N, C-alpha and C. Protein backbone atom coordinates (compact mmCIF):
# COMPACT_ATOMS: atom_id res chain seq x y z
N ARG A 1 42.30 -30.66 1.07
CA ARG A 1 42.62 -29.48 1.84
C ARG A 1 44.09 -29.15 1.67
N GLN A 2 44.36 -27.89 1.42
CA GLN A 2 45.71 -27.50 1.04
C GLN A 2 46.73 -27.79 2.13
N TRP A 3 46.33 -27.64 3.44
CA TRP A 3 47.34 -27.78 4.48
C TRP A 3 47.79 -29.23 4.67
N TYR A 4 47.07 -30.18 4.09
CA TYR A 4 47.48 -31.57 4.24
C TYR A 4 48.66 -31.93 3.33
N ILE A 5 49.14 -30.96 2.57
CA ILE A 5 50.36 -31.21 1.82
C ILE A 5 51.57 -31.22 2.75
N TYR A 6 51.40 -30.68 3.97
CA TYR A 6 52.47 -30.69 4.95
C TYR A 6 52.36 -31.95 5.79
N THR A 7 53.13 -32.96 5.44
CA THR A 7 52.99 -34.26 6.09
C THR A 7 54.31 -34.83 6.59
N HIS A 8 55.38 -34.03 6.56
CA HIS A 8 56.69 -34.56 6.95
C HIS A 8 57.22 -33.85 8.19
N ASP A 9 57.97 -32.79 7.99
CA ASP A 9 58.53 -32.03 9.11
C ASP A 9 58.80 -30.60 8.64
N PRO A 10 59.18 -29.69 9.55
CA PRO A 10 59.36 -28.29 9.14
C PRO A 10 60.40 -28.09 8.06
N LEU A 11 61.48 -28.86 8.08
CA LEU A 11 62.54 -28.68 7.08
C LEU A 11 62.11 -29.22 5.73
N THR A 12 61.56 -30.42 5.70
CA THR A 12 61.17 -31.05 4.44
C THR A 12 60.04 -30.29 3.76
N ASP A 13 59.06 -29.87 4.53
CA ASP A 13 57.87 -29.25 3.96
C ASP A 13 57.99 -27.75 3.75
N LEU A 14 58.73 -27.07 4.63
CA LEU A 14 58.75 -25.61 4.59
C LEU A 14 60.14 -25.01 4.54
N GLY A 15 61.16 -25.82 4.70
CA GLY A 15 62.52 -25.31 4.65
C GLY A 15 63.01 -24.66 5.93
N TYR A 16 62.32 -24.90 7.06
CA TYR A 16 62.71 -24.31 8.34
C TYR A 16 63.51 -25.32 9.16
N ALA A 17 64.66 -24.89 9.66
CA ALA A 17 65.46 -25.75 10.53
C ALA A 17 64.68 -26.01 11.83
N PHE A 18 64.89 -27.18 12.41
CA PHE A 18 64.18 -27.51 13.64
C PHE A 18 65.01 -28.51 14.44
N SER A 19 64.61 -28.70 15.68
CA SER A 19 65.25 -29.71 16.52
C SER A 19 64.18 -30.58 17.17
N GLU A 20 64.49 -31.87 17.32
CA GLU A 20 63.61 -32.79 18.04
C GLU A 20 63.86 -32.60 19.53
N GLU A 21 62.80 -32.34 20.29
CA GLU A 21 62.96 -32.12 21.72
C GLU A 21 61.91 -32.91 22.49
N GLU A 22 62.27 -33.36 23.68
CA GLU A 22 61.39 -34.20 24.49
C GLU A 22 61.50 -33.78 25.95
N PHE A 23 60.37 -33.80 26.63
CA PHE A 23 60.34 -33.42 28.05
C PHE A 23 59.24 -34.21 28.75
N PRO A 24 59.36 -34.42 30.06
CA PRO A 24 58.34 -35.19 30.78
C PRO A 24 57.09 -34.36 31.03
N SER A 25 55.96 -35.03 31.02
CA SER A 25 54.71 -34.34 31.36
C SER A 25 54.72 -33.98 32.84
N CYS A 26 54.15 -32.83 33.17
CA CYS A 26 54.20 -32.34 34.56
C CYS A 26 53.42 -33.23 35.52
N ASN A 27 52.23 -33.66 35.14
CA ASN A 27 51.40 -34.42 36.08
C ASN A 27 51.63 -35.93 35.98
N ASP A 28 52.50 -36.36 35.07
CA ASP A 28 52.83 -37.78 34.96
C ASP A 28 54.22 -37.91 34.35
N PRO A 29 55.26 -37.88 35.19
CA PRO A 29 56.64 -37.88 34.67
C PRO A 29 57.01 -39.13 33.90
N GLU A 30 56.16 -40.16 33.95
CA GLU A 30 56.44 -41.37 33.17
C GLU A 30 56.04 -41.21 31.72
N ILE A 31 55.36 -40.10 31.41
CA ILE A 31 54.96 -39.80 30.03
C ILE A 31 55.87 -38.72 29.47
N ASN A 32 56.55 -39.02 28.38
CA ASN A 32 57.39 -38.03 27.70
C ASN A 32 56.63 -37.40 26.55
N ILE A 33 56.73 -36.10 26.43
CA ILE A 33 56.07 -35.35 25.35
C ILE A 33 57.10 -35.04 24.28
N SER A 34 56.83 -35.48 23.07
CA SER A 34 57.74 -35.23 21.94
C SER A 34 57.33 -33.94 21.22
N SER A 35 58.31 -33.26 20.67
CA SER A 35 58.01 -31.97 20.03
C SER A 35 59.07 -31.61 19.00
N TRP A 36 58.73 -30.62 18.18
CA TRP A 36 59.67 -29.96 17.28
C TRP A 36 59.81 -28.52 17.74
N TYR A 37 61.04 -28.07 17.88
CA TYR A 37 61.26 -26.64 18.14
C TYR A 37 61.78 -26.01 16.85
N VAL A 38 61.09 -24.96 16.40
CA VAL A 38 61.46 -24.25 15.18
C VAL A 38 61.79 -22.80 15.56
N PRO A 39 63.04 -22.40 15.47
CA PRO A 39 63.40 -21.02 15.85
C PRO A 39 62.96 -20.02 14.79
N CYS A 40 62.80 -18.78 15.20
CA CYS A 40 62.47 -17.73 14.25
C CYS A 40 63.66 -17.48 13.33
N LEU A 41 63.46 -16.67 12.32
CA LEU A 41 64.51 -16.43 11.33
C LEU A 41 65.42 -15.27 11.73
N GLN A 42 65.04 -14.52 12.75
CA GLN A 42 65.85 -13.40 13.20
C GLN A 42 66.96 -13.89 14.15
N GLU A 43 67.92 -13.02 14.42
CA GLU A 43 69.01 -13.39 15.32
C GLU A 43 68.52 -13.59 16.74
N SER A 44 67.61 -12.74 17.17
CA SER A 44 67.08 -12.82 18.53
C SER A 44 65.61 -13.20 18.48
N CYS A 45 65.27 -14.29 19.13
CA CYS A 45 63.89 -14.78 19.14
C CYS A 45 63.31 -14.59 20.54
N THR A 46 62.47 -13.59 20.70
CA THR A 46 61.91 -13.28 22.02
C THR A 46 60.43 -13.62 22.13
N LYS A 47 59.83 -14.08 21.00
CA LYS A 47 58.41 -14.43 21.01
C LYS A 47 58.27 -15.88 20.53
N ALA A 48 57.36 -16.62 21.16
CA ALA A 48 57.19 -18.03 20.80
C ALA A 48 55.73 -18.44 20.94
N VAL A 49 55.37 -19.51 20.23
CA VAL A 49 54.02 -20.08 20.29
C VAL A 49 54.13 -21.58 20.46
N VAL A 50 53.36 -22.13 21.38
CA VAL A 50 53.24 -23.58 21.54
C VAL A 50 51.99 -24.02 20.78
N LEU A 51 52.16 -24.93 19.82
CA LEU A 51 51.05 -25.35 18.96
C LEU A 51 50.64 -26.78 19.29
N THR A 52 49.31 -26.99 19.42
CA THR A 52 48.78 -28.30 19.80
C THR A 52 47.69 -28.74 18.82
N HIS A 53 47.82 -29.94 18.32
CA HIS A 53 46.92 -30.51 17.31
C HIS A 53 45.60 -30.99 17.93
N GLY A 54 44.71 -31.46 17.07
CA GLY A 54 43.44 -32.00 17.51
C GLY A 54 43.52 -33.49 17.82
N ALA A 55 42.43 -34.03 18.36
CA ALA A 55 42.37 -35.44 18.74
C ALA A 55 42.56 -36.33 17.51
N GLY A 56 43.37 -37.37 17.68
CA GLY A 56 43.59 -38.31 16.60
C GLY A 56 44.61 -37.89 15.58
N ASN A 57 45.22 -36.71 15.77
CA ASN A 57 46.24 -36.22 14.84
C ASN A 57 47.59 -36.16 15.56
N ASP A 58 48.53 -35.45 15.00
CA ASP A 58 49.82 -35.24 15.65
C ASP A 58 50.35 -33.87 15.25
N ARG A 59 51.58 -33.57 15.66
CA ARG A 59 52.15 -32.23 15.47
C ARG A 59 52.16 -31.77 14.02
N ARG A 60 52.16 -32.72 13.08
CA ARG A 60 52.20 -32.34 11.66
C ARG A 60 50.97 -31.55 11.25
N GLN A 61 49.86 -31.74 11.97
CA GLN A 61 48.65 -30.98 11.66
C GLN A 61 48.86 -29.48 11.82
N MET A 62 49.84 -29.08 12.62
CA MET A 62 50.07 -27.66 12.90
C MET A 62 51.17 -27.05 12.04
N LEU A 63 51.75 -27.83 11.14
CA LEU A 63 52.83 -27.32 10.28
C LEU A 63 52.38 -26.11 9.45
N ARG A 64 51.14 -26.09 9.04
CA ARG A 64 50.67 -25.02 8.15
C ARG A 64 50.76 -23.64 8.78
N PHE A 65 50.74 -23.58 10.11
CA PHE A 65 50.80 -22.28 10.77
C PHE A 65 52.21 -21.69 10.79
N LEU A 66 53.21 -22.51 10.53
CA LEU A 66 54.59 -22.02 10.58
C LEU A 66 54.88 -21.01 9.48
N SER A 67 54.17 -21.12 8.37
CA SER A 67 54.48 -20.26 7.21
C SER A 67 54.24 -18.79 7.51
N PHE A 68 53.41 -18.46 8.51
CA PHE A 68 53.27 -17.04 8.86
C PHE A 68 53.84 -16.73 10.24
N LEU A 69 54.07 -17.74 11.07
CA LEU A 69 54.67 -17.47 12.38
C LEU A 69 56.17 -17.24 12.29
N ILE A 70 56.88 -18.16 11.66
CA ILE A 70 58.34 -18.11 11.66
C ILE A 70 58.88 -16.87 10.94
N PRO A 71 58.40 -16.50 9.74
CA PRO A 71 58.94 -15.30 9.08
C PRO A 71 58.64 -14.01 9.82
N ASN A 72 57.64 -14.04 10.71
CA ASN A 72 57.24 -12.82 11.42
C ASN A 72 57.83 -12.73 12.82
N GLY A 73 58.90 -13.47 13.06
CA GLY A 73 59.64 -13.30 14.30
C GLY A 73 59.22 -14.18 15.45
N TYR A 74 58.38 -15.19 15.18
CA TYR A 74 57.95 -16.10 16.24
C TYR A 74 58.66 -17.44 16.12
N SER A 75 59.14 -17.95 17.23
CA SER A 75 59.59 -19.34 17.28
C SER A 75 58.37 -20.20 17.59
N ALA A 76 58.49 -21.51 17.36
CA ALA A 76 57.34 -22.38 17.57
C ALA A 76 57.77 -23.71 18.17
N LEU A 77 56.94 -24.21 19.07
CA LEU A 77 57.12 -25.54 19.63
C LEU A 77 55.87 -26.33 19.30
N LEU A 78 56.00 -27.32 18.41
CA LEU A 78 54.87 -28.15 17.99
C LEU A 78 54.94 -29.45 18.79
N ILE A 79 53.92 -29.71 19.59
CA ILE A 79 53.96 -30.89 20.45
C ILE A 79 53.02 -31.98 19.96
N ASP A 80 53.38 -33.22 20.31
CA ASP A 80 52.44 -34.34 20.20
C ASP A 80 51.81 -34.52 21.58
N ALA A 81 50.50 -34.36 21.68
CA ALA A 81 49.84 -34.58 22.96
C ALA A 81 50.02 -36.04 23.37
N ARG A 82 49.89 -36.30 24.64
CA ARG A 82 50.03 -37.67 25.14
C ARG A 82 49.14 -38.64 24.36
N GLU A 83 49.67 -39.82 24.13
CA GLU A 83 48.99 -40.88 23.37
C GLU A 83 48.76 -40.51 21.91
N HIS A 84 49.52 -39.54 21.43
CA HIS A 84 49.47 -39.16 20.02
C HIS A 84 50.90 -39.09 19.49
N GLY A 85 51.06 -39.34 18.20
CA GLY A 85 52.37 -39.21 17.58
C GLY A 85 53.43 -40.03 18.29
N LYS A 86 54.54 -39.37 18.61
CA LYS A 86 55.66 -40.04 19.26
C LYS A 86 55.67 -39.88 20.78
N SER A 87 54.68 -39.18 21.31
CA SER A 87 54.63 -38.99 22.76
C SER A 87 54.20 -40.26 23.47
N GLY A 88 54.54 -40.32 24.75
CA GLY A 88 54.20 -41.49 25.55
C GLY A 88 52.75 -41.49 25.99
N GLY A 89 52.42 -42.47 26.78
CA GLY A 89 51.06 -42.63 27.28
C GLY A 89 50.73 -44.10 27.41
N TRP A 90 51.60 -44.80 28.13
CA TRP A 90 51.51 -46.26 28.15
C TRP A 90 50.22 -46.77 28.76
N ARG A 91 49.54 -45.94 29.55
CA ARG A 91 48.29 -46.42 30.15
C ARG A 91 47.17 -46.53 29.12
N ARG A 92 47.32 -45.81 28.03
CA ARG A 92 46.34 -45.85 26.94
C ARG A 92 44.91 -45.63 27.44
N ARG A 93 44.73 -44.51 28.12
CA ARG A 93 43.40 -44.20 28.65
C ARG A 93 42.55 -43.44 27.64
N GLY A 94 43.13 -43.11 26.50
CA GLY A 94 42.36 -42.42 25.47
C GLY A 94 42.31 -40.92 25.71
N ILE A 95 41.68 -40.21 24.79
CA ILE A 95 41.58 -38.75 24.92
C ILE A 95 40.69 -38.39 26.11
N SER A 96 40.92 -37.18 26.63
CA SER A 96 40.12 -36.74 27.79
C SER A 96 39.51 -35.37 27.55
N TYR A 97 39.40 -34.97 26.28
CA TYR A 97 38.76 -33.70 25.90
C TYR A 97 39.43 -32.50 26.58
N GLY A 98 40.72 -32.62 26.82
CA GLY A 98 41.47 -31.50 27.39
C GLY A 98 41.80 -31.65 28.86
N ARG A 99 41.12 -32.54 29.56
CA ARG A 99 41.33 -32.68 31.01
C ARG A 99 42.78 -33.06 31.33
N ARG A 100 43.34 -34.01 30.60
CA ARG A 100 44.75 -34.38 30.79
C ARG A 100 45.65 -33.65 29.79
N GLU A 101 45.15 -33.43 28.59
CA GLU A 101 45.99 -32.85 27.54
C GLU A 101 46.47 -31.43 27.86
N HIS A 102 45.66 -30.66 28.61
CA HIS A 102 46.09 -29.29 28.89
C HIS A 102 47.33 -29.27 29.78
N GLN A 103 47.55 -30.36 30.52
CA GLN A 103 48.77 -30.45 31.33
C GLN A 103 50.01 -30.52 30.44
N ASP A 104 49.87 -31.17 29.28
CA ASP A 104 50.99 -31.26 28.34
C ASP A 104 51.36 -29.88 27.81
N ILE A 105 50.35 -29.04 27.58
CA ILE A 105 50.61 -27.69 27.10
C ILE A 105 51.29 -26.86 28.18
N LEU A 106 50.81 -26.96 29.41
CA LEU A 106 51.45 -26.24 30.51
C LEU A 106 52.91 -26.64 30.65
N CYS A 107 53.19 -27.94 30.53
CA CYS A 107 54.57 -28.41 30.63
C CYS A 107 55.41 -27.90 29.48
N ALA A 108 54.82 -27.84 28.29
CA ALA A 108 55.54 -27.33 27.13
C ALA A 108 55.92 -25.87 27.34
N VAL A 109 55.01 -25.09 27.91
CA VAL A 109 55.28 -23.68 28.18
C VAL A 109 56.41 -23.55 29.21
N LYS A 110 56.31 -24.33 30.30
CA LYS A 110 57.35 -24.27 31.34
C LYS A 110 58.70 -24.72 30.78
N TYR A 111 58.67 -25.77 29.96
CA TYR A 111 59.91 -26.26 29.35
C TYR A 111 60.54 -25.20 28.47
N LEU A 112 59.72 -24.56 27.64
CA LEU A 112 60.25 -23.55 26.71
C LEU A 112 60.82 -22.35 27.47
N ARG A 113 60.14 -21.93 28.50
CA ARG A 113 60.63 -20.78 29.27
C ARG A 113 61.92 -21.11 30.02
N SER A 114 62.05 -22.35 30.48
CA SER A 114 63.26 -22.71 31.23
C SER A 114 64.45 -22.93 30.31
N MET A 115 64.21 -23.51 29.13
CA MET A 115 65.30 -23.82 28.21
C MET A 115 65.72 -22.62 27.38
N ARG A 116 64.79 -21.68 27.18
CA ARG A 116 65.10 -20.51 26.35
C ARG A 116 64.61 -19.26 27.07
N PRO A 117 65.35 -18.83 28.08
CA PRO A 117 64.93 -17.69 28.92
C PRO A 117 64.84 -16.37 28.16
N GLU A 118 65.41 -16.31 26.96
CA GLU A 118 65.32 -15.08 26.18
C GLU A 118 63.90 -14.81 25.68
N ILE A 119 63.04 -15.84 25.71
CA ILE A 119 61.65 -15.67 25.27
C ILE A 119 60.88 -14.89 26.33
N SER A 120 60.36 -13.73 25.95
CA SER A 120 59.63 -12.88 26.90
C SER A 120 58.12 -12.93 26.70
N LYS A 121 57.69 -13.25 25.49
CA LYS A 121 56.26 -13.34 25.20
C LYS A 121 55.97 -14.74 24.65
N LEU A 122 54.97 -15.42 25.26
CA LEU A 122 54.69 -16.79 24.86
C LEU A 122 53.18 -17.01 24.77
N ALA A 123 52.74 -17.50 23.62
CA ALA A 123 51.33 -17.78 23.39
C ALA A 123 51.12 -19.28 23.18
N VAL A 124 49.90 -19.73 23.38
CA VAL A 124 49.53 -21.11 23.05
C VAL A 124 48.48 -21.07 21.96
N MET A 125 48.55 -22.03 21.06
CA MET A 125 47.64 -22.07 19.92
C MET A 125 47.20 -23.51 19.71
N GLY A 126 45.89 -23.74 19.57
CA GLY A 126 45.40 -25.10 19.44
C GLY A 126 44.26 -25.23 18.47
N LEU A 127 44.12 -26.43 17.94
CA LEU A 127 43.09 -26.75 16.96
C LEU A 127 42.18 -27.83 17.54
N SER A 128 40.87 -27.61 17.50
CA SER A 128 39.88 -28.58 17.97
C SER A 128 40.14 -28.94 19.44
N GLN A 129 40.42 -30.21 19.75
CA GLN A 129 40.71 -30.56 21.14
C GLN A 129 41.93 -29.79 21.64
N GLY A 130 42.89 -29.55 20.75
CA GLY A 130 44.04 -28.73 21.12
C GLY A 130 43.64 -27.32 21.48
N GLY A 131 42.58 -26.81 20.85
CA GLY A 131 42.07 -25.47 21.18
C GLY A 131 41.44 -25.44 22.56
N ALA A 132 40.59 -26.44 22.84
CA ALA A 132 39.98 -26.52 24.17
C ALA A 132 41.05 -26.70 25.24
N SER A 133 42.05 -27.52 24.95
CA SER A 133 43.14 -27.75 25.89
C SER A 133 43.94 -26.47 26.12
N SER A 134 44.10 -25.68 25.08
CA SER A 134 44.83 -24.41 25.20
C SER A 134 44.10 -23.43 26.11
N VAL A 135 42.77 -23.41 26.02
CA VAL A 135 41.98 -22.55 26.92
C VAL A 135 42.17 -22.99 28.36
N LEU A 136 42.08 -24.31 28.60
CA LEU A 136 42.24 -24.82 29.96
C LEU A 136 43.65 -24.54 30.49
N ALA A 137 44.65 -24.70 29.62
CA ALA A 137 46.03 -24.43 30.03
C ALA A 137 46.21 -22.95 30.36
N SER A 138 45.62 -22.08 29.55
CA SER A 138 45.76 -20.64 29.78
C SER A 138 45.10 -20.22 31.08
N ALA A 139 43.95 -20.84 31.39
CA ALA A 139 43.27 -20.51 32.65
C ALA A 139 44.09 -20.95 33.85
N ALA A 140 44.81 -22.06 33.70
CA ALA A 140 45.63 -22.57 34.81
C ALA A 140 47.01 -21.93 34.87
N GLY A 141 47.44 -21.31 33.77
CA GLY A 141 48.79 -20.75 33.73
C GLY A 141 48.81 -19.32 33.30
N THR A 142 47.95 -18.49 33.89
CA THR A 142 47.85 -17.10 33.47
C THR A 142 49.15 -16.33 33.68
N GLU A 143 49.98 -16.79 34.63
CA GLU A 143 51.21 -16.07 34.91
C GLU A 143 52.33 -16.41 33.94
N ILE A 144 52.19 -17.48 33.16
CA ILE A 144 53.26 -17.87 32.24
C ILE A 144 52.81 -17.88 30.78
N ILE A 145 51.51 -17.73 30.53
CA ILE A 145 50.97 -17.71 29.17
C ILE A 145 50.42 -16.32 28.88
N ASP A 146 50.93 -15.70 27.83
CA ASP A 146 50.56 -14.31 27.54
C ASP A 146 49.36 -14.18 26.61
N ALA A 147 49.09 -15.20 25.79
CA ALA A 147 47.98 -15.11 24.85
C ALA A 147 47.55 -16.51 24.44
N VAL A 148 46.31 -16.64 24.01
CA VAL A 148 45.80 -17.92 23.54
C VAL A 148 45.09 -17.71 22.21
N ILE A 149 45.37 -18.60 21.26
CA ILE A 149 44.76 -18.56 19.93
C ILE A 149 44.14 -19.92 19.69
N ILE A 150 42.86 -19.95 19.34
CA ILE A 150 42.18 -21.24 19.18
C ILE A 150 41.41 -21.27 17.86
N GLU A 151 41.38 -22.44 17.25
CA GLU A 151 40.63 -22.65 16.01
C GLU A 151 39.73 -23.87 16.17
N SER A 152 38.45 -23.69 15.93
CA SER A 152 37.45 -24.77 15.93
C SER A 152 37.46 -25.61 17.21
N PRO A 153 37.49 -24.96 18.40
CA PRO A 153 37.45 -25.76 19.62
C PRO A 153 36.01 -26.13 19.98
N PHE A 154 35.84 -27.04 20.90
CA PHE A 154 34.53 -27.27 21.49
C PHE A 154 34.56 -26.61 22.87
N SER A 155 33.41 -26.09 23.28
CA SER A 155 33.36 -25.36 24.54
C SER A 155 32.85 -26.20 25.70
N ASN A 156 32.08 -27.25 25.37
CA ASN A 156 31.41 -28.02 26.42
C ASN A 156 31.37 -29.48 25.99
N VAL A 157 31.88 -30.37 26.83
CA VAL A 157 31.98 -31.78 26.45
C VAL A 157 30.61 -32.42 26.28
N GLU A 158 29.65 -32.08 27.15
CA GLU A 158 28.32 -32.68 27.03
C GLU A 158 27.67 -32.30 25.71
N LEU A 159 27.80 -31.02 25.32
CA LEU A 159 27.23 -30.59 24.04
C LEU A 159 27.96 -31.26 22.88
N LEU A 160 29.27 -31.45 23.02
CA LEU A 160 30.04 -32.12 21.97
C LEU A 160 29.56 -33.56 21.79
N VAL A 161 29.39 -34.29 22.89
CA VAL A 161 28.92 -35.67 22.82
C VAL A 161 27.55 -35.73 22.16
N ARG A 162 26.67 -34.82 22.55
CA ARG A 162 25.32 -34.79 21.96
C ARG A 162 25.38 -34.56 20.46
N ASP A 163 26.17 -33.58 20.03
CA ASP A 163 26.25 -33.27 18.60
C ASP A 163 26.85 -34.43 17.80
N VAL A 164 27.87 -35.08 18.37
CA VAL A 164 28.48 -36.22 17.67
C VAL A 164 27.47 -37.35 17.50
N LEU A 165 26.70 -37.64 18.55
CA LEU A 165 25.73 -38.73 18.48
C LEU A 165 24.61 -38.41 17.48
N ILE A 166 24.13 -37.18 17.51
CA ILE A 166 23.04 -36.81 16.59
C ILE A 166 23.53 -36.83 15.15
N THR A 167 24.75 -36.34 14.92
CA THR A 167 25.32 -36.37 13.57
C THR A 167 25.48 -37.81 13.08
N ALA A 168 25.93 -38.69 13.97
CA ALA A 168 26.10 -40.10 13.59
C ALA A 168 24.76 -40.74 13.27
N ALA A 169 23.73 -40.40 14.05
CA ALA A 169 22.41 -40.97 13.81
C ALA A 169 21.85 -40.51 12.47
N LYS A 170 22.09 -39.25 12.13
CA LYS A 170 21.55 -38.71 10.89
C LYS A 170 22.34 -39.15 9.65
N SER A 171 23.51 -39.77 9.88
CA SER A 171 24.32 -40.22 8.76
C SER A 171 24.05 -41.67 8.37
N ILE A 172 23.02 -42.24 8.98
CA ILE A 172 22.65 -43.61 8.61
C ILE A 172 22.31 -43.66 7.13
N PRO A 173 22.89 -44.59 6.37
CA PRO A 173 22.63 -44.64 4.92
C PRO A 173 21.15 -44.78 4.59
N SER A 174 20.76 -44.14 3.52
CA SER A 174 19.36 -44.22 3.09
C SER A 174 19.01 -45.64 2.66
N ILE A 175 17.80 -46.07 3.05
CA ILE A 175 17.35 -47.42 2.68
C ILE A 175 16.35 -47.37 1.53
N ALA A 176 16.00 -46.18 1.10
CA ALA A 176 14.99 -46.03 0.05
C ALA A 176 15.63 -45.80 -1.31
N THR A 177 14.97 -46.25 -2.33
CA THR A 177 15.35 -46.00 -3.71
C THR A 177 14.14 -45.43 -4.43
N PRO A 178 14.32 -44.85 -5.63
CA PRO A 178 13.16 -44.30 -6.35
C PRO A 178 12.04 -45.31 -6.56
N SER A 179 12.37 -46.61 -6.60
CA SER A 179 11.35 -47.63 -6.85
C SER A 179 10.83 -48.26 -5.56
N SER A 180 11.28 -47.75 -4.39
CA SER A 180 10.82 -48.33 -3.12
C SER A 180 9.35 -48.02 -2.90
N GLY A 181 8.70 -48.92 -2.16
CA GLY A 181 7.30 -48.72 -1.83
C GLY A 181 7.12 -47.62 -0.80
N MET A 182 5.87 -47.26 -0.53
CA MET A 182 5.56 -46.16 0.38
C MET A 182 6.05 -46.45 1.79
N LEU A 183 5.97 -47.71 2.24
CA LEU A 183 6.38 -48.05 3.60
C LEU A 183 7.89 -47.83 3.78
N VAL A 184 8.69 -48.27 2.81
CA VAL A 184 10.14 -48.11 2.90
C VAL A 184 10.51 -46.64 2.87
N GLN A 185 9.84 -45.88 2.00
CA GLN A 185 10.14 -44.45 1.93
C GLN A 185 9.73 -43.74 3.22
N PHE A 186 8.65 -44.17 3.84
CA PHE A 186 8.22 -43.60 5.11
C PHE A 186 9.26 -43.87 6.20
N LEU A 187 9.72 -45.13 6.29
CA LEU A 187 10.73 -45.49 7.29
C LEU A 187 12.03 -44.72 7.07
N ASP A 188 12.40 -44.55 5.80
CA ASP A 188 13.61 -43.82 5.48
C ASP A 188 13.51 -42.37 5.95
N GLN A 189 12.36 -41.75 5.76
CA GLN A 189 12.16 -40.37 6.18
C GLN A 189 12.23 -40.24 7.69
N GLN A 190 11.69 -41.25 8.40
CA GLN A 190 11.75 -41.22 9.86
C GLN A 190 13.18 -41.29 10.37
N LEU A 191 14.01 -42.10 9.69
CA LEU A 191 15.42 -42.20 10.08
C LEU A 191 16.14 -40.87 9.89
N LYS A 192 15.81 -40.18 8.79
CA LYS A 192 16.46 -38.90 8.51
C LYS A 192 16.07 -37.85 9.54
N ASN A 193 14.87 -37.95 10.12
CA ASN A 193 14.39 -36.98 11.10
C ASN A 193 14.61 -37.46 12.53
N LEU A 194 15.47 -38.47 12.68
CA LEU A 194 15.67 -39.09 13.98
C LEU A 194 16.21 -38.08 15.01
N THR A 195 15.60 -38.09 16.18
CA THR A 195 16.11 -37.33 17.32
C THR A 195 16.35 -38.31 18.46
N LEU A 196 17.46 -38.14 19.13
CA LEU A 196 17.81 -39.06 20.21
C LEU A 196 17.18 -38.59 21.52
N PRO A 197 16.57 -39.49 22.27
CA PRO A 197 15.93 -39.09 23.53
C PRO A 197 16.95 -38.65 24.56
N GLN A 198 16.52 -37.76 25.45
CA GLN A 198 17.43 -37.19 26.44
C GLN A 198 17.99 -38.27 27.37
N TRP A 199 17.18 -39.31 27.66
CA TRP A 199 17.66 -40.35 28.58
C TRP A 199 18.87 -41.09 27.97
N PHE A 200 18.85 -41.24 26.63
CA PHE A 200 19.96 -41.93 25.96
C PHE A 200 21.21 -41.04 25.98
N LEU A 201 21.02 -39.75 25.68
CA LEU A 201 22.15 -38.83 25.70
C LEU A 201 22.76 -38.75 27.11
N SER A 202 21.89 -38.72 28.13
CA SER A 202 22.38 -38.66 29.51
C SER A 202 23.15 -39.92 29.87
N MET A 203 22.70 -41.07 29.39
CA MET A 203 23.37 -42.33 29.68
C MET A 203 24.77 -42.33 29.06
N VAL A 204 24.87 -41.88 27.81
CA VAL A 204 26.17 -41.84 27.14
C VAL A 204 27.10 -40.86 27.84
N TYR A 205 26.57 -39.69 28.24
CA TYR A 205 27.41 -38.70 28.91
C TYR A 205 27.87 -39.21 30.28
N PHE A 206 27.02 -39.99 30.95
CA PHE A 206 27.42 -40.61 32.21
C PHE A 206 28.62 -41.53 31.99
N PHE A 207 28.58 -42.30 30.90
CA PHE A 207 29.70 -43.19 30.58
C PHE A 207 30.96 -42.37 30.29
N VAL A 208 30.80 -41.25 29.57
CA VAL A 208 31.95 -40.40 29.26
C VAL A 208 32.57 -39.88 30.55
N ARG A 209 31.74 -39.40 31.48
CA ARG A 209 32.26 -38.91 32.76
C ARG A 209 32.97 -40.01 33.52
N TRP A 210 32.39 -41.21 33.51
CA TRP A 210 33.03 -42.34 34.19
C TRP A 210 34.37 -42.66 33.53
N ARG A 211 34.42 -42.60 32.20
CA ARG A 211 35.65 -42.91 31.48
C ARG A 211 36.73 -41.90 31.79
N LEU A 212 36.35 -40.66 32.09
CA LEU A 212 37.30 -39.60 32.39
C LEU A 212 37.65 -39.53 33.88
N GLY A 213 37.15 -40.48 34.65
CA GLY A 213 37.46 -40.49 36.08
C GLY A 213 36.47 -39.73 36.92
N GLY A 214 35.30 -39.43 36.36
CA GLY A 214 34.26 -38.78 37.14
C GLY A 214 34.25 -37.27 37.05
N THR A 215 35.26 -36.69 36.42
CA THR A 215 35.36 -35.23 36.34
C THR A 215 35.52 -34.78 34.90
N VAL A 216 34.71 -33.81 34.50
CA VAL A 216 34.81 -33.20 33.18
C VAL A 216 35.13 -31.72 33.37
N VAL A 217 36.14 -31.25 32.68
CA VAL A 217 36.51 -29.84 32.75
C VAL A 217 36.17 -29.20 31.40
N ASN A 218 35.28 -28.21 31.42
CA ASN A 218 34.81 -27.59 30.18
C ASN A 218 35.52 -26.26 29.93
N ALA A 219 35.82 -26.03 28.65
CA ALA A 219 36.51 -24.80 28.27
C ALA A 219 35.64 -23.58 28.54
N ASP A 220 34.31 -23.70 28.35
CA ASP A 220 33.46 -22.52 28.54
C ASP A 220 33.39 -22.11 30.02
N GLU A 221 33.69 -23.04 30.93
CA GLU A 221 33.69 -22.70 32.34
C GLU A 221 34.99 -21.99 32.74
N ARG A 222 36.07 -22.31 32.04
CA ARG A 222 37.37 -21.75 32.39
C ARG A 222 37.72 -20.51 31.56
N ALA A 223 37.04 -20.33 30.43
CA ALA A 223 37.38 -19.23 29.53
C ALA A 223 37.37 -17.86 30.22
N PRO A 224 36.43 -17.57 31.14
CA PRO A 224 36.47 -16.26 31.78
C PRO A 224 37.73 -16.00 32.60
N HIS A 225 38.47 -17.08 32.93
CA HIS A 225 39.67 -16.91 33.74
C HIS A 225 40.92 -16.74 32.89
N VAL A 226 40.78 -16.80 31.56
CA VAL A 226 41.94 -16.68 30.67
C VAL A 226 42.34 -15.22 30.54
């Protein structure tokens, strides 16, 4: 994939000056959020975008978007979500599908507006979990977020868990070969057509809810409020 050539920082990969910036998370001041601030190329920068990566990645995943944002008059703040990249997260509770991560985006917006009051228009942009988190942040911060841009987000955690489990089940390696007997080929076909029972999916989703503290916040429920 072409965008994976951007693996360093804005200056090394794209020639854009940047600064390393850090601020505390709003709902947990013991967690510091690390970021890159990349100013626009014009003298006056009044528009900005906060960019958030997907689960298991870091701010470098969003470098590819700078090539059209920065030359067109937008500044950018690329953040590492908690427990990703250089950001804190000492409790190591794992990803929360946007439930905790959207707080990092809200804090990034508040930080950017307080540190650079000349910014009058501010959007949030996210990829995958960062996209779902951006929707949740926009619903909670309608007065400070002017626009939201999302790529490949998930809308509902329960549906996401179901799809991941079914995809994993269907990716079981084939046990049949051209010389396999009829019984082996029959079993192999059954595995390929495997469907997971609802009771199993419900059990896994119950564990997910418990892991998240009993509450799941879905982007499709909050999207009408954006």
